[in-house]
């Protein structure tokens, strides 16, 4: 990795990035016609190599952690960056799960016959070359590489500067898997420099070789991508996730879900950032819910009603509504019914993931129908906002836009389609 970085300078960056794009395009053309068996063998080999090189990956990650800690990065950042044996095993298992999925390329989505005898099929095809820009999550290297391979796409990965040692160690395993299956090694490439200008080159499309950009990171990264990109973008905005405890919520269930949604892993985009409690059940539910969070070492920032139930609650300010903490902090507010909860989410949310807790089916259906987020849940933790939990094997991210892909971006979302039309000599008159 270090040698590769040294070979890239500000004067030759455009040339280096252009070459990466050209090699990715050639690989994409080959992958589009690769057999499902070859892709499956590559994915299994990648998983095996990740397990075999666990020590090397942990050693590389330790270098990244030392640099990040030296820079005083916050705990949530360090948690996203850190690899453990369990997380490495999860990466390997994720690749095996992707390998076990049905191959989407060539899948006939729909078919019909016209009165003139033309037979029409809508068939899944790869997108081509995908550029993925991510920050401190080294596991994205494996997830994105595996998903793009399965869907027949070449991928150019640009991870954060703090995760470069980890990303390169994981990437070496992916390349070995491609090599063992006889697939082009350039199908999965890592940008070999931390220079921020490399991101700019990628956003320009590398001379027309990049078909789509997927950003996975904080608000500033996504904002830059959406502003500068000259190719289509799968938007992945902040995870400002809400849990609304309805008047008819079971208190025991609500406590378990709320604590899990906030505290299981505070640094992921599916972590709950705001708790809304219906005024109709506040007298019985608010205090136990707040105490459960505080006892789990979560800082609670609340409105006046919430402050009144426990002296440990910090006063919430306007910025707390609609804030992605990615930490053991949550905003809590009492709302006047389901319409007020839906309105609060519409105004302060990020269209990512929102959940209602209730035993009232009519209320649940109203919430699920009217909250226009990529993922809406009933009586379940927001931490399930994950492609693996959806049975997709893994995900590149949660797309919060409304075009093409929405929610967890897995293998099917990384395909487009074409129309295959079969005739028997028909011509069009008139």
Protein backbone atom coordinates (compact mmCIF):
# COMPACT_ATOMS: atom_id res chain seq x y z
CA UNK A 1 0.00 0.00 0.00
CA UNK A 2 2.69 2.49 0.95
CA UNK A 3 4.57 1.95 -2.31
CA UNK A 4 1.39 2.44 -4.32
CA UNK A 5 0.63 5.67 -2.49
CA UNK A 6 4.11 7.03 -3.14
CA UNK A 7 3.72 6.39 -6.87
CA UNK A 8 0.76 8.79 -7.04
CA UNK A 9 1.54 12.50 -7.15
CA UNK A 10 -0.53 15.59 -7.79
CA UNK A 11 0.95 15.80 -11.27
CA UNK A 12 0.04 12.28 -12.36
CA UNK A 13 -3.17 11.80 -10.34
CA UNK A 14 -5.43 12.33 -13.35
CA UNK A 15 -3.45 9.81 -15.40
CA UNK A 16 -3.50 7.22 -12.60
CA UNK A 17 -7.24 7.61 -12.01
CA UNK A 18 -7.96 7.51 -15.74
CA UNK A 19 -6.04 4.24 -16.01
CA UNK A 20 -8.04 2.80 -13.12
CA UNK A 21 -11.24 3.71 -14.96
CA UNK A 22 -10.12 2.14 -18.23
CA UNK A 23 -9.14 -1.09 -16.50
CA UNK A 24 -12.44 -1.15 -14.63
CA UNK A 25 -14.39 -0.71 -17.87
CA UNK A 26 -12.58 -3.61 -19.55
CA UNK A 27 -13.22 -5.78 -16.49
CA UNK A 28 -16.89 -4.80 -16.43
CA UNK A 29 -17.31 -5.97 -20.00
CA UNK A 30 -15.85 -9.34 -19.03
CA UNK A 31 -17.85 -9.65 -15.80
CA UNK A 32 -21.12 -8.98 -17.58
CA UNK A 33 -20.67 -12.34 -19.29
CA UNK A 34 -19.03 -14.24 -16.43
CA UNK A 35 -20.77 -17.45 -15.41
CA UNK A 36 -22.60 -17.64 -12.08
CA UNK A 37 -20.30 -20.52 -11.12
CA UNK A 38 -17.15 -18.46 -11.64
CA UNK A 39 -18.50 -15.61 -9.52
CA UNK A 40 -19.55 -18.02 -6.78
CA UNK A 41 -16.12 -19.67 -6.72
CA UNK A 42 -14.46 -16.26 -6.48
CA UNK A 43 -16.64 -15.20 -3.56
CA UNK A 44 -16.00 -18.42 -1.64
CA UNK A 45 -12.26 -18.06 -2.24
CA UNK A 46 -12.41 -14.46 -0.98
CA UNK A 47 -14.08 -15.58 2.22
CA UNK A 48 -11.50 -18.33 2.74
CA UNK A 49 -8.63 -15.91 2.19
CA UNK A 50 -10.04 -13.36 4.62
CA UNK A 51 -10.14 -16.04 7.30
CA UNK A 52 -6.65 -17.24 6.42
CA UNK A 53 -5.24 -13.71 6.62
CA UNK A 54 -7.03 -12.66 9.79
CA UNK A 55 -3.74 -11.84 11.50
CA UNK A 56 -2.57 -9.63 8.63
CA UNK A 57 -5.90 -7.79 8.54
CA UNK A 58 -5.87 -7.19 12.30
CA UNK A 59 -2.29 -5.95 12.12
CA UNK A 60 -3.19 -3.51 9.33
CA UNK A 61 -6.24 -2.35 11.28
CA UNK A 62 -4.11 -1.74 14.37
CA UNK A 63 -2.05 0.75 12.32
CA UNK A 64 -5.21 2.56 11.27
CA UNK A 65 -6.56 2.58 14.83
CA UNK A 66 -3.31 4.04 16.17
CA UNK A 67 -3.44 6.89 13.65
CA UNK A 68 -7.12 7.59 14.35
CA UNK A 69 -6.61 7.54 18.11
CA UNK A 70 -3.61 9.85 17.71
CA UNK A 71 -5.86 12.31 15.88
CA UNK A 72 -8.37 12.20 18.74
CA UNK A 73 -11.18 10.71 16.68
CA UNK A 74 -14.42 10.22 18.68
CA UNK A 75 -15.45 6.87 20.10
CA UNK A 76 -18.16 6.33 17.48
CA UNK A 77 -15.61 6.80 14.68
CA UNK A 78 -13.19 4.38 16.33
CA UNK A 79 -15.95 1.79 16.73
CA UNK A 80 -16.74 1.94 13.00
CA UNK A 81 -13.05 1.64 12.15
CA UNK A 82 -12.13 -1.16 14.54
CA UNK A 83 -11.91 -4.75 13.31
CA UNK A 84 -12.08 -7.77 15.62
CA UNK A 85 -11.96 -11.50 14.94
CA UNK A 86 -15.76 -11.54 15.13
CA UNK A 87 -16.09 -8.68 12.63
CA UNK A 88 -13.62 -10.33 10.27
CA UNK A 89 -15.60 -13.56 10.47
CA UNK A 90 -18.75 -11.53 9.73
CA UNK A 91 -17.08 -10.17 6.59
CA UNK A 92 -16.19 -13.67 5.44
CA UNK A 93 -19.67 -14.96 6.23
CA UNK A 94 -21.16 -12.01 4.34
CA UNK A 95 -19.23 -12.99 1.21
CA UNK A 96 -20.48 -16.58 1.56
CA UNK A 97 -24.04 -15.29 1.97
CA UNK A 98 -23.65 -13.24 -1.21
CA UNK A 99 -22.30 -16.32 -3.00
CA UNK A 100 -25.42 -18.24 -1.99
CA UNK A 101 -27.79 -15.66 -3.49
CA UNK A 102 -29.40 -16.22 -6.87
CA UNK A 103 -27.40 -14.58 -9.64
CA UNK A 104 -29.42 -11.55 -10.77
CA UNK A 105 -27.77 -11.10 -14.18
CA UNK A 106 -30.04 -12.35 -16.94
CA UNK A 107 -33.03 -12.72 -14.62
CA UNK A 108 -36.29 -12.15 -16.50
CA UNK A 109 -38.19 -9.58 -14.43
CA UNK A 110 -41.31 -9.57 -16.63
CA UNK A 111 -42.44 -10.94 -19.97
CA UNK A 112 -45.45 -10.47 -22.21
CA UNK A 113 -46.60 -10.94 -25.79
CA UNK A 114 -48.07 -8.22 -27.98
CA UNK A 115 -51.05 -8.75 -30.33
CA UNK A 116 -48.67 -8.63 -33.31
CA UNK A 117 -46.78 -11.63 -31.93
CA UNK A 118 -43.71 -9.76 -30.55
CA UNK A 119 -42.46 -11.41 -27.36
CA UNK A 120 -40.94 -8.92 -24.92
CA UNK A 121 -38.83 -9.58 -21.84
CA UNK A 122 -37.43 -7.19 -19.26
CA UNK A 123 -34.04 -8.68 -18.29
CA UNK A 124 -31.64 -7.68 -15.51
CA UNK A 125 -28.24 -6.37 -16.60
CA UNK A 126 -25.23 -5.02 -14.66
CA UNK A 127 -24.86 -1.27 -14.24
CA UNK A 128 -21.23 -1.43 -15.41
CA UNK A 129 -18.59 0.38 -13.34
CA UNK A 130 -19.53 1.54 -9.85
CA UNK A 131 -17.52 4.04 -7.84
CA UNK A 132 -17.96 3.67 -4.09
CA UNK A 133 -16.70 6.38 -1.73
CA UNK A 134 -16.78 5.52 1.95
CA UNK A 135 -15.16 6.66 5.15
CA UNK A 136 -14.09 4.72 8.20
CA UNK A 137 -15.77 1.32 7.73
CA UNK A 138 -13.17 -1.13 6.36
CA UNK A 139 -15.80 -3.89 6.13
CA UNK A 140 -17.39 -1.94 3.26
CA UNK A 141 -14.40 -3.03 1.16
CA UNK A 142 -15.51 -6.66 1.35
CA UNK A 143 -19.26 -6.01 1.23
CA UNK A 144 -19.06 -3.69 -1.77
CA UNK A 145 -16.54 -5.83 -3.63
CA UNK A 146 -18.64 -8.95 -3.16
CA UNK A 147 -21.96 -7.35 -4.07
CA UNK A 148 -20.58 -5.71 -7.18
CA UNK A 149 -19.00 -8.96 -8.34
CA UNK A 150 -22.21 -10.94 -7.82
CA UNK A 151 -24.18 -8.36 -9.81
CA UNK A 152 -21.64 -8.40 -12.65
CA UNK A 153 -20.22 -4.93 -12.00
CA UNK A 154 -16.64 -3.73 -11.77
CA UNK A 155 -16.02 -1.48 -8.76
CA UNK A 156 -13.60 1.28 -7.83
CA UNK A 157 -13.33 1.65 -4.05
CA UNK A 158 -12.16 4.85 -2.41
CA UNK A 159 -12.06 4.41 1.37
CA UNK A 160 -11.20 6.97 4.00
CA UNK A 161 -7.59 7.86 4.68
CA UNK A 162 -7.83 6.46 8.23
CA UNK A 163 -8.84 3.01 6.96
CA UNK A 164 -6.38 2.59 4.09
CA UNK A 165 -4.19 -0.08 5.70
CA UNK A 166 -7.26 -2.15 6.61
CA UNK A 167 -8.91 -1.66 3.21
CA UNK A 168 -5.79 -2.71 1.33
CA UNK A 169 -5.35 -5.83 3.45
CA UNK A 170 -8.95 -6.84 2.74
CA UNK A 171 -8.62 -5.92 -0.93
CA UNK A 172 -5.67 -8.30 -1.31
CA UNK A 173 -8.00 -11.16 -0.28
CA UNK A 174 -10.60 -10.10 -2.83
CA UNK A 175 -8.02 -10.00 -5.62
CA UNK A 176 -6.84 -13.47 -4.68
CA UNK A 177 -10.41 -14.71 -4.98
CA UNK A 178 -10.80 -13.19 -8.43
CA UNK A 179 -7.49 -14.68 -9.54
CA UNK A 180 -8.37 -18.16 -8.31
CA UNK A 181 -11.63 -18.13 -10.30
CA UNK A 182 -10.02 -16.83 -13.48
CA UNK A 183 -11.84 -13.49 -13.33
CA UNK A 184 -10.18 -10.14 -14.09
CA UNK A 185 -8.26 -8.83 -11.09
CA UNK A 186 -9.10 -5.26 -12.05
CA UNK A 187 -12.78 -5.98 -11.40
CA UNK A 188 -12.25 -4.75 -7.82
CA UNK A 189 -9.79 -1.86 -7.49
CA UNK A 190 -8.86 0.39 -4.58
CA UNK A 191 -7.82 3.98 -5.22
CA UNK A 192 -4.14 3.93 -4.18
CA UNK A 193 -3.96 7.37 -2.58
CA UNK A 194 -5.50 9.37 0.25
CA UNK A 195 -5.37 12.55 -1.88
CA UNK A 196 -8.82 14.18 -1.72
CA UNK A 197 -8.44 15.22 -5.35
CA UNK A 198 -8.83 11.54 -6.26
CA UNK A 199 -12.44 11.79 -5.11
CA UNK A 200 -12.92 14.74 -7.44
CA UNK A 201 -11.56 12.73 -10.35
CA UNK A 202 -13.91 9.86 -9.53
CA UNK A 203 -16.89 12.21 -9.34
CA UNK A 204 -16.11 13.49 -12.82
CA UNK A 205 -16.66 9.95 -14.10
CA UNK A 206 -13.07 9.10 -15.17
CA UNK A 207 -13.59 9.97 -18.83
CA UNK A 208 -16.97 8.30 -19.04
CA UNK A 209 -15.90 4.96 -17.57
CA UNK A 210 -17.90 5.27 -14.30
CA UNK A 211 -21.65 4.61 -14.49
CA UNK A 212 -22.80 5.37 -10.95
CA UNK A 213 -21.40 6.68 -7.65
CA UNK A 214 -22.41 5.36 -4.24
CA UNK A 215 -21.33 7.50 -1.26
CA UNK A 216 -21.34 5.95 2.18
CA UNK A 217 -20.43 8.32 4.96
CA UNK A 218 -21.34 11.49 6.78
CA UNK A 219 -23.34 14.49 5.69
CA UNK A 220 -20.33 16.41 4.37
CA UNK A 221 -19.20 13.51 2.14
CA UNK A 222 -22.66 12.91 0.72
CA UNK A 223 -23.15 16.63 0.20
CA UNK A 224 -19.91 16.90 -1.76
CA UNK A 225 -20.80 13.90 -3.90
CA UNK A 226 -24.26 15.21 -4.72
CA UNK A 227 -22.87 18.64 -5.57
CA UNK A 228 -19.89 17.60 -7.69
CA UNK A 229 -20.87 14.29 -9.29
CA UNK A 230 -21.29 14.24 -13.05
CA UNK A 231 -22.68 10.71 -13.01
CA UNK A 232 -25.79 9.33 -11.28
CA UNK A 233 -25.61 8.97 -7.48
CA UNK A 234 -27.32 6.54 -5.11
CA UNK A 235 -28.00 8.96 -2.24
CA UNK A 236 -27.18 7.79 1.26
CA UNK A 237 -28.01 10.57 3.67
CA UNK A 238 -27.80 10.70 7.45
CA UNK A 239 -29.50 8.05 9.53
CA UNK A 240 -31.77 10.26 11.63
CA UNK A 241 -33.92 7.36 12.82
CA UNK A 242 -36.98 7.77 15.04
CA UNK A 243 -38.93 5.46 17.32
CA UNK A 244 -42.49 6.48 18.09
CA UNK A 245 -44.07 4.88 21.15
CA UNK A 246 -47.79 4.98 20.44
CA UNK A 247 -50.51 5.23 23.09
CA UNK A 248 -51.23 1.50 22.74
CA UNK A 249 -47.62 0.33 23.03
CA UNK A 250 -46.68 -2.53 25.33
CA UNK A 251 -44.26 -0.99 27.83
CA UNK A 252 -42.02 -4.04 28.19
CA UNK A 253 -41.64 -4.38 24.44
CA UNK A 254 -41.06 -0.65 24.07
CA UNK A 255 -38.24 -0.64 26.64
CA UNK A 256 -36.43 -3.54 24.96
CA UNK A 257 -36.77 -2.11 21.47
CA UNK A 258 -35.81 1.45 22.39
CA UNK A 259 -32.66 0.44 24.29
CA UNK A 260 -31.61 -1.95 21.53
CA UNK A 261 -32.31 0.59 18.77
CA UNK A 262 -30.13 3.18 20.47
CA UNK A 263 -27.43 1.21 22.27
CA UNK A 264 -26.70 -2.05 20.38
CA UNK A 265 -24.27 -0.12 18.16
CA UNK A 266 -24.49 3.63 18.46
CA UNK A 267 -22.22 4.43 15.51
CA UNK A 268 -24.27 2.87 12.69
CA UNK A 269 -26.78 4.64 10.48
CA UNK A 270 -29.64 2.48 11.80
CA UNK A 271 -29.17 3.62 15.40
CA UNK A 272 -32.19 5.48 16.78
CA UNK A 273 -31.47 9.17 17.36
CA UNK A 274 -34.88 10.38 18.55
CA UNK A 275 -37.60 8.87 20.73
CA UNK A 276 -41.15 10.21 20.43
CA UNK A 277 -43.62 9.26 23.18
CA UNK A 278 -47.36 9.74 22.79
CA UNK A 279 -48.81 12.07 25.41
CA UNK A 280 -51.66 9.59 25.93
CA UNK A 281 -49.22 7.09 27.48
CA UNK A 282 -46.58 9.48 28.82
CA UNK A 283 -47.77 9.13 32.43
CA UNK A 284 -47.05 5.37 32.37
CA UNK A 285 -44.36 4.97 29.69
CA UNK A 286 -42.13 8.05 29.60
CA UNK A 287 -40.34 7.67 32.94
CA UNK A 288 -39.56 3.91 32.54
CA UNK A 289 -38.29 4.48 28.99
CA UNK A 290 -36.06 7.37 30.01
CA UNK A 291 -34.72 5.46 33.02
CA UNK A 292 -33.96 2.41 30.86
CA UNK A 293 -31.90 4.57 28.51
CA UNK A 294 -30.08 6.37 31.33
CA UNK A 295 -29.35 3.09 33.10
CA UNK A 296 -27.83 1.83 29.82
CA UNK A 297 -25.39 4.80 29.99
CA UNK A 298 -27.18 6.77 27.30
CA UNK A 299 -27.34 10.54 27.61
CA UNK A 300 -30.91 11.77 27.24
CA UNK A 301 -31.71 15.24 25.91
CA UNK A 302 -35.39 15.98 26.38
CA UNK A 303 -38.16 18.52 26.14
CA UNK A 304 -39.76 19.94 29.31
CA UNK A 305 -42.01 16.90 29.80
CA UNK A 306 -39.03 14.56 29.57
CA UNK A 307 -36.85 16.66 31.87
CA UNK A 308 -39.59 16.51 34.51
CA UNK A 309 -39.40 12.70 34.88
CA UNK A 310 -35.68 12.46 35.74
CA UNK A 311 -33.15 15.05 36.91
CA UNK A 312 -30.44 13.43 34.79
CA UNK A 313 -32.14 14.49 31.54
CA UNK A 314 -30.35 17.32 29.75
CA UNK A 315 -32.45 20.09 28.16
CA UNK A 316 -32.86 19.58 24.43
CA UNK A 317 -32.17 22.48 22.08
CA UNK A 318 -33.51 23.02 18.58
CA UNK A 319 -30.50 21.32 16.98
CA UNK A 320 -31.22 18.09 18.86
CA UNK A 321 -34.31 17.47 16.72
CA UNK A 322 -32.91 16.11 13.47
CA UNK A 323 -29.39 15.42 14.71
CA UNK A 324 -27.40 12.27 13.94
CA UNK A 325 -25.38 11.68 17.10
CA UNK A 326 -23.75 8.34 16.20
CA UNK A 327 -23.08 8.15 19.92
CA UNK A 328 -24.77 7.16 23.18
CA UNK A 329 -27.06 10.20 23.07
CA UNK A 330 -30.75 10.38 22.22
CA UNK A 331 -33.33 13.16 21.95
CA UNK A 332 -36.72 12.49 23.58
CA UNK A 333 -39.96 14.37 23.03
CA UNK A 334 -43.60 13.96 24.01
CA UNK A 335 -45.96 14.37 21.03
CA UNK A 336 -49.71 14.90 20.83
CA UNK A 337 -50.74 11.78 18.97
CA UNK A 338 -49.75 9.91 15.84
CA UNK A 339 -50.29 12.82 13.46
CA UNK A 340 -47.85 14.94 15.46
CA UNK A 341 -45.32 12.09 15.45
CA UNK A 342 -45.59 11.67 11.68
CA UNK A 343 -45.26 15.44 11.19
CA UNK A 344 -42.16 15.56 13.43
CA UNK A 345 -40.51 12.74 11.45
CA UNK A 346 -41.37 14.40 8.14
CA UNK A 347 -39.79 17.67 9.28
CA UNK A 348 -36.73 16.39 11.15
CA UNK A 349 -36.04 12.95 9.66
CA UNK A 350 -33.74 11.93 6.82
CA UNK A 351 -36.02 9.38 5.07
CA UNK A 352 -33.82 6.55 6.39
CA UNK A 353 -35.51 4.33 9.00
CA UNK A 354 -38.38 4.97 11.42
CA UNK A 355 -40.32 2.65 13.72
CA UNK A 356 -43.66 2.62 15.57
CA UNK A 357 -44.29 0.56 18.69
CA UNK A 358 -47.96 -0.24 19.19
CA UNK A 359 -50.47 -3.05 19.62
CA UNK A 360 -52.98 -1.06 17.58
CA UNK A 361 -52.95 -2.43 14.02
CA UNK A 362 -54.81 0.56 12.58
CA UNK A 363 -52.28 2.97 14.05
CA UNK A 364 -49.43 0.84 12.80
CA UNK A 365 -50.85 0.76 9.28
CA UNK A 366 -51.34 4.53 9.29
CA UNK A 367 -47.71 5.07 10.34
CA UNK A 368 -46.34 2.58 7.80
CA UNK A 369 -48.37 4.16 5.01
CA UNK A 370 -47.70 7.81 5.78
CA UNK A 371 -44.05 7.84 6.89
CA UNK A 372 -42.20 8.02 3.58
CA UNK A 373 -38.82 6.70 4.69
CA UNK A 374 -36.78 4.05 2.90
CA UNK A 375 -37.50 1.64 5.78
CA UNK A 376 -40.48 1.74 8.14
CA UNK A 377 -40.97 -0.81 10.92
CA UNK A 378 -43.68 -1.92 13.32
CA UNK A 379 -42.66 -3.30 16.72
CA UNK A 380 -39.03 -3.79 15.72
CA UNK A 381 -35.69 -2.11 16.34
CA UNK A 382 -34.28 0.33 13.80
CA UNK A 383 -31.02 -1.62 14.03
CA UNK A 384 -32.57 -4.08 11.55
CA UNK A 385 -31.93 -1.48 8.82
CA UNK A 386 -29.29 -3.67 7.23
CA UNK A 387 -29.06 -5.62 4.00
CA UNK A 388 -27.79 -8.72 5.78
CA UNK A 389 -30.81 -8.69 8.09
CA UNK A 390 -33.04 -8.33 5.01
CA UNK A 391 -31.59 -11.53 3.55
CA UNK A 392 -29.55 -9.66 0.93
CA UNK A 393 -26.24 -11.12 2.10
CA UNK A 394 -24.80 -7.66 2.65
CA UNK A 395 -25.32 -4.12 1.48
CA UNK A 396 -23.38 -1.20 0.10
CA UNK A 397 -25.53 1.21 2.08
CA UNK A 398 -29.06 2.41 2.71
CA UNK A 399 -30.21 4.57 -0.19
CA UNK A 400 -32.54 7.34 0.98
CA UNK A 401 -33.31 8.82 -2.43
CA UNK A 402 -36.37 7.92 -4.48
CA UNK A 403 -34.81 7.02 -7.82
CA UNK A 404 -33.78 3.49 -8.87
CA UNK A 405 -32.53 2.06 -5.56
CA UNK A 406 -34.09 2.71 -2.15
CA UNK A 407 -33.33 1.12 1.20
CA UNK A 408 -30.59 -1.52 1.47
CA UNK A 409 -28.57 -1.59 -1.75
CA UNK A 410 -27.88 -5.25 -2.53
CA UNK A 411 -27.25 -7.25 -5.69
CA UNK A 412 -30.62 -6.57 -7.33
CA UNK A 413 -30.32 -2.83 -6.70
CA UNK A 414 -26.92 -2.87 -8.45
CA UNK A 415 -28.54 -3.95 -11.71
CA UNK A 416 -30.51 -2.16 -14.38
CA UNK A 417 -32.47 -3.87 -17.16
CA UNK A 418 -32.86 -4.06 -20.88
CA UNK A 419 -35.71 -5.18 -23.10
CA UNK A 420 -35.24 -8.28 -25.19
CA UNK A 421 -37.72 -8.44 -28.06
CA UNK A 422 -38.23 -11.58 -30.18
CA UNK A 423 -40.14 -11.48 -33.42
CA UNK A 424 -40.91 -13.58 -36.48
CA UNK A 425 -40.42 -11.08 -39.26
CA UNK A 426 -42.77 -8.34 -37.99
CA UNK A 427 -42.47 -4.86 -39.50
CA UNK A 428 -44.17 -1.67 -38.36
CA UNK A 429 -46.59 0.06 -40.70
CA UNK A 430 -48.01 3.56 -40.73
